Amino acid sequence: MAKAIAKGSESMGLEARIRTVNDSNEQPSVFPDVTLDDLKHCSALALGSPCRFGQMAVPLQAFLQQTSTQWLSGDLIDKPASVFTSSSSMHGGNESTLLSMSLPLLHHGMLLLGVPYSEPALHNTDAGGSPYGPSHVSGLKSDTTLTADEKAICFTLGKRLATTALKLNS
């Protein structure tokens, strides 16, 4: 999902940097770990997490709880942000997970962007995606392959993040 969102941002001329929050219990990621400095210097932020009982994963929550310095200094104020998630079932808590990830971003003063209904895939999807943000339903076999609609929703959001960042920084 992060790659599809990045493609949307890059289609508008922005450089996308994919980062991760690693859990020591998981296999190492192919992506570098996010740093607080990454947040300070980003033009926009797409924040993703798997669903964990309708909430963001604990490692992401722990990372966000370390951002008090950025909150006090206002580093993230007025930067566009979005959220995305994945669950194993259609009713696995995707929307509540998206909402739980949105709260810290709003506290930071970020400009929260969703997916507008002008994106046709929101009307067509029988898998993941909502106006709150992109989502994926992996099913019981944990299939990470995105449907065409899920890819379109991710791409649209990445493009919207980039367009908003470019307008704010012009």
Protein backbone atom coordinates (compact mmCIF):
# COMPACT_ATOMS: atom_id res chain seq x y z
CA MET A 1 0.00 0.00 0.00
CA ALA A 2 2.84 2.36 0.87
CA LYS A 3 4.38 1.78 -2.56
CA ALA A 4 1.08 2.57 -4.34
CA ILE A 5 0.66 5.77 -2.29
CA ALA A 6 4.28 6.69 -3.06
CA LYS A 7 3.64 6.23 -6.79
CA GLY A 8 0.76 8.68 -6.58
CA SER A 9 2.94 11.26 -4.84
CA GLU A 10 5.79 10.74 -7.27
CA SER A 11 3.42 11.19 -10.22
CA MET A 12 3.10 14.80 -9.02
CA GLY A 13 6.86 15.31 -8.82
CA LEU A 14 7.48 14.76 -5.10
CA GLU A 15 10.07 12.34 -3.77
CA ALA A 16 8.48 9.65 -1.63
CA ARG A 17 10.44 8.04 1.19
CA ILE A 18 9.02 4.85 2.64
CA ARG A 19 9.96 4.23 6.25
CA THR A 20 8.89 1.67 8.82
CA VAL A 21 8.48 1.26 12.55
CA ASN A 22 10.03 -2.11 13.28
CA ASP A 23 8.85 -4.34 16.05
CA SER A 24 11.73 -6.31 17.55
CA ASN A 25 9.57 -9.45 17.25
CA GLU A 26 9.20 -9.09 13.48
CA GLN A 27 11.59 -9.81 10.65
CA PRO A 28 13.67 -6.78 9.64
CA SER A 29 12.04 -4.61 7.00
CA VAL A 30 13.50 -3.78 3.61
CA PHE A 31 12.72 -0.15 4.44
CA PRO A 32 14.74 2.02 6.84
CA ASP A 33 13.32 2.80 10.27
CA VAL A 34 11.54 6.13 10.58
CA THR A 35 13.18 8.80 12.69
CA LEU A 36 11.78 11.88 14.37
CA ASP A 37 13.94 13.89 11.96
CA ASP A 38 12.06 12.27 9.05
CA LEU A 39 8.84 13.74 10.44
CA LYS A 40 10.36 17.19 10.86
CA HIS A 41 11.59 17.35 7.27
CA CYS A 42 8.70 15.71 5.39
CA SER A 43 6.39 17.76 3.17
CA ALA A 44 3.50 15.36 3.75
CA LEU A 45 2.90 12.16 5.68
CA ALA A 46 1.06 8.95 4.86
CA LEU A 47 0.87 6.86 8.02
CA GLY A 48 0.02 3.17 7.81
CA SER A 49 -0.54 0.31 10.21
CA PRO A 50 -2.07 -3.14 10.26
CA CYS A 51 -5.33 -3.43 12.15
CA ARG A 52 -4.94 -4.76 15.66
CA PHE A 53 -8.40 -5.18 17.15
CA GLY A 54 -9.58 -1.97 15.46
CA GLN A 55 -6.53 0.04 16.50
CA MET A 56 -3.07 0.84 15.15
CA ALA A 57 -0.25 -1.58 15.97
CA VAL A 58 1.56 -1.01 19.26
CA PRO A 59 4.98 -0.25 17.69
CA LEU A 60 3.46 2.64 15.71
CA GLN A 61 1.62 3.90 18.77
CA ALA A 62 4.86 3.76 20.78
CA PHE A 63 6.68 5.72 18.08
CA LEU A 64 3.97 8.38 17.98
CA GLN A 65 4.11 8.69 21.76
CA GLN A 66 7.74 9.80 21.38
CA THR A 67 6.77 12.88 19.33
CA SER A 68 6.21 15.32 22.20
CA THR A 69 9.19 17.43 21.13
CA GLN A 70 7.72 17.76 17.61
CA TRP A 71 4.37 18.68 19.14
CA LEU A 72 5.91 21.34 21.38
CA SER A 73 7.94 22.84 18.53
CA GLY A 74 5.07 22.65 16.03
CA ASP A 75 7.16 20.79 13.45
CA LEU A 76 4.13 19.11 11.89
CA ILE A 77 1.62 21.96 11.96
CA ASP A 78 -0.10 22.50 8.59
CA LYS A 79 1.56 19.55 6.86
CA PRO A 80 -0.86 17.33 4.91
CA ALA A 81 -1.30 13.83 6.33
CA SER A 82 -3.27 10.68 5.60
CA VAL A 83 -3.68 7.21 7.04
CA PHE A 84 -3.96 3.71 5.57
CA THR A 85 -4.41 0.21 6.98
CA SER A 86 -4.92 -3.48 6.30
CA SER A 87 -6.85 -6.24 8.04
CA SER A 88 -7.53 -9.89 7.40
CA SER A 89 -11.31 -9.49 7.16
CA MET A 90 -13.81 -7.07 5.68
CA HIS A 91 -15.02 -6.18 9.16
CA GLY A 92 -11.61 -6.34 10.80
CA GLY A 93 -11.65 -2.79 12.14
CA ASN A 94 -10.25 -0.90 9.16
CA GLU A 95 -12.18 2.32 9.70
CA SER A 96 -11.64 2.43 13.46
CA THR A 97 -7.92 1.81 12.88
CA LEU A 98 -7.82 4.70 10.42
CA LEU A 99 -9.54 6.91 12.97
CA SER A 100 -7.17 5.85 15.77
CA MET A 101 -4.17 6.82 13.62
CA SER A 102 -5.78 10.16 12.76
CA LEU A 103 -5.99 11.41 16.34
CA PRO A 104 -2.24 11.98 16.95
CA LEU A 105 -1.97 13.70 13.56
CA LEU A 106 -4.76 16.10 14.48
CA HIS A 107 -3.07 16.80 17.83
CA HIS A 108 0.05 17.74 15.87
CA GLY A 109 -1.97 20.24 13.82
CA MET A 110 -1.59 18.33 10.59
CA LEU A 111 -4.10 18.72 7.77
CA LEU A 112 -5.84 15.35 7.55
CA LEU A 113 -6.76 14.24 4.03
CA GLY A 114 -9.02 11.39 3.06
CA VAL A 115 -10.06 9.94 -0.26
CA PRO A 116 -12.82 11.94 -1.97
CA TYR A 117 -15.74 10.19 -3.60
CA SER A 118 -14.58 11.60 -6.93
CA GLU A 119 -12.33 8.49 -6.92
CA PRO A 120 -14.45 5.91 -8.82
CA ALA A 121 -12.81 2.98 -7.02
CA LEU A 122 -14.52 4.02 -3.77
CA HIS A 123 -17.84 3.28 -5.45
CA ASN A 124 -16.67 0.00 -6.98
CA THR A 125 -14.55 -1.67 -4.33
CA ASP A 126 -15.64 -4.92 -2.81
CA ALA A 127 -12.41 -5.16 -0.83
CA GLY A 128 -10.74 -2.23 0.95
CA GLY A 129 -10.97 1.55 0.88
CA SER A 130 -13.04 4.29 2.44
CA PRO A 131 -13.17 8.07 2.50
CA TYR A 132 -11.13 7.88 5.75
CA GLY A 133 -8.23 6.39 3.80
CA PRO A 134 -7.07 3.41 1.80
CA SER A 135 -7.40 -0.04 3.30
CA HIS A 136 -6.73 -3.59 2.22
CA VAL A 137 -8.46 -6.82 3.12
CA SER A 138 -5.92 -9.65 2.99
CA GLY A 139 -8.29 -12.50 3.76
CA LEU A 140 -7.56 -15.54 5.86
CA LYS A 141 -4.52 -16.41 3.72
CA SER A 142 -2.89 -13.00 4.34
CA ASP A 143 -2.78 -12.16 0.63
CA THR A 144 -0.82 -8.92 0.26
CA THR A 145 -1.82 -8.47 -3.38
CA LEU A 146 -3.90 -5.30 -3.74
CA THR A 147 -7.01 -5.31 -5.90
CA ALA A 148 -7.17 -2.83 -8.77
CA ASP A 149 -9.58 -0.70 -6.73
CA GLU A 150 -7.30 -0.73 -3.67
CA LYS A 151 -4.34 0.33 -5.84
CA ALA A 152 -6.38 3.14 -7.39
CA ILE A 153 -7.48 4.41 -3.97
CA CYS A 154 -3.88 4.38 -2.72
CA PHE A 155 -2.60 6.14 -5.86
CA THR A 156 -5.31 8.80 -5.62
CA LEU A 157 -4.46 9.51 -2.01
CA GLY A 158 -0.74 9.80 -2.77
CA LYS A 159 -1.50 12.19 -5.59
CA ARG A 160 -3.77 14.24 -3.31
CA LEU A 161 -1.11 14.43 -0.59
CA ALA A 162 1.48 15.66 -3.10
CA THR A 163 -0.88 18.16 -4.72
CA THR A 164 -1.77 19.61 -1.32
CA ALA A 165 1.87 19.76 -0.20
CA LEU A 166 2.86 21.51 -3.42
CA LYS A 167 0.06 24.08 -3.03
CA LEU A 168 1.01 24.76 0.59
CA ASN A 169 4.69 25.20 -0.27
CA SER A 170 4.28 27.40 -3.36
